[in-house]
Amino acid sequence: MRKDSKERRAARKQIEMIMEAAVAKDPPVKTWSATHPAYYGTVLCPDRRYRK
């Protein structure tokens, strides 16, 4: 039996809502690499405030 377009859209929407809920539950990232710019503390750092 084939699904019509309304059933497909409803199923896709339900999957998207489940995925969004799963992403919203994840804790914020607090690792060093996620909270600081690349090459932090070197002359290559893109943010001038953090260059040494």
C-alpha atoms as a PDB file:
ATOM      1  CA  MET A   1       0.000   0.000   0.000  1.00  0.00           C
ATOM      2  CA  ARG A   2       1.355   3.388  -0.988  1.00  0.00           C
ATOM      3  CA  LYS A   3       1.284   6.424   1.258  1.00  0.00           C
ATOM      4  CA  ASP A   4      -0.169   9.572  -0.179  1.00  0.00           C
ATOM      5  CA  SER A   5       1.678  12.870   0.034  1.00  0.00           C
ATOM      6  CA  LYS A   6      -0.182  14.034   3.157  1.00  0.00           C
ATOM      7  CA  GLU A   7       0.832  10.921   5.067  1.00  0.00           C
ATOM      8  CA  ARG A   8       4.446  11.287   3.928  1.00  0.00           C
ATOM      9  CA  ARG A   9       4.563  14.945   4.976  1.00  0.00           C
ATOM     10  CA  ALA A  10       3.028  14.125   8.371  1.00  0.00           C
ATOM     11  CA  ALA A  11       5.543  11.331   8.956  1.00  0.00           C
ATOM     12  CA  ARG A  12       8.448  13.560   7.934  1.00  0.00           C
ATOM     13  CA  LYS A  13       7.227  16.352  10.207  1.00  0.00           C
ATOM     14  CA  GLN A  14       6.929  13.947  13.128  1.00  0.00           C
ATOM     15  CA  ILE A  15      10.495  12.725  12.579  1.00  0.00           C
ATOM     16  CA  GLU A  16      11.767  16.324  12.410  1.00  0.00           C
ATOM     17  CA  MET A  17      10.021  17.181  15.679  1.00  0.00           C
ATOM     18  CA  ILE A  18      11.567  14.151  17.394  1.00  0.00           C
ATOM     19  CA  MET A  19      15.029  15.096  16.131  1.00  0.00           C
ATOM     20  CA  GLU A  20      14.636  18.722  17.277  1.00  0.00           C
ATOM     21  CA  ALA A  21      13.561  17.559  20.720  1.00  0.00           C
ATOM     22  CA  ALA A  22      16.606  15.295  20.965  1.00  0.00           C
ATOM     23  CA  VAL A  23      18.949  18.148  20.010  1.00  0.00           C
ATOM     24  CA  ALA A  24      17.320  20.518  22.514  1.00  0.00           C
ATOM     25  CA  LYS A  25      17.998  18.071  25.363  1.00  0.00           C
ATOM     26  CA  ASP A  26      21.762  17.927  24.782  1.00  0.00           C
ATOM     27  CA  PRO A  27      23.815  19.909  27.313  1.00  0.00           C
ATOM     28  CA  PRO A  28      25.866  22.851  26.038  1.00  0.00           C
ATOM     29  CA  VAL A  29      29.402  22.089  24.929  1.00  0.00           C
ATOM     30  CA  LYS A  30      31.992  23.221  27.468  1.00  0.00           C
ATOM     31  CA  THR A  31      35.206  21.790  26.076  1.00  0.00           C
ATOM     32  CA  TRP A  32      38.298  23.911  25.531  1.00  0.00           C
ATOM     33  CA  SER A  33      38.190  23.638  21.760  1.00  0.00           C
ATOM     34  CA  ALA A  34      34.522  24.620  21.619  1.00  0.00           C
ATOM     35  CA  THR A  35      34.843  27.672  23.871  1.00  0.00           C
ATOM     36  CA  HIS A  36      38.079  29.180  22.489  1.00  0.00           C
ATOM     37  CA  PRO A  37      39.023  30.252  18.967  1.00  0.00           C
ATOM     38  CA  ALA A  38      41.384  28.179  16.854  1.00  0.00           C
ATOM     39  CA  TYR A  39      45.084  28.644  17.666  1.00  0.00           C
ATOM     40  CA  TYR A  40      44.282  30.393  20.972  1.00  0.00           C
ATOM     41  CA  GLY A  41      47.385  32.033  22.434  1.00  0.00           C
ATOM     42  CA  THR A  42      49.490  31.821  19.263  1.00  0.00           C
ATOM     43  CA  VAL A  43      50.376  34.343  16.567  1.00  0.00           C
ATOM     44  CA  LEU A  44      48.018  32.444  14.227  1.00  0.00           C
ATOM     45  CA  CYS A  45      44.927  33.134  16.342  1.00  0.00           C
ATOM     46  CA  PRO A  46      42.268  34.906  14.220  1.00  0.00           C
ATOM     47  CA  ASP A  47      41.097  36.972  17.222  1.00  0.00           C
ATOM     48  CA  ARG A  48      43.735  39.638  17.968  1.00  0.00           C
ATOM     49  CA  ARG A  49      42.738  39.836  21.662  1.00  0.00           C
ATOM     50  CA  TYR A  50      44.011  36.288  22.266  1.00  0.00           C
ATOM     51  CA  ARG A  51      47.319  36.525  20.394  1.00  0.00           C
ATOM     52  CA  LYS A  52      50.580  36.467  22.318  1.00  0.00           C
END
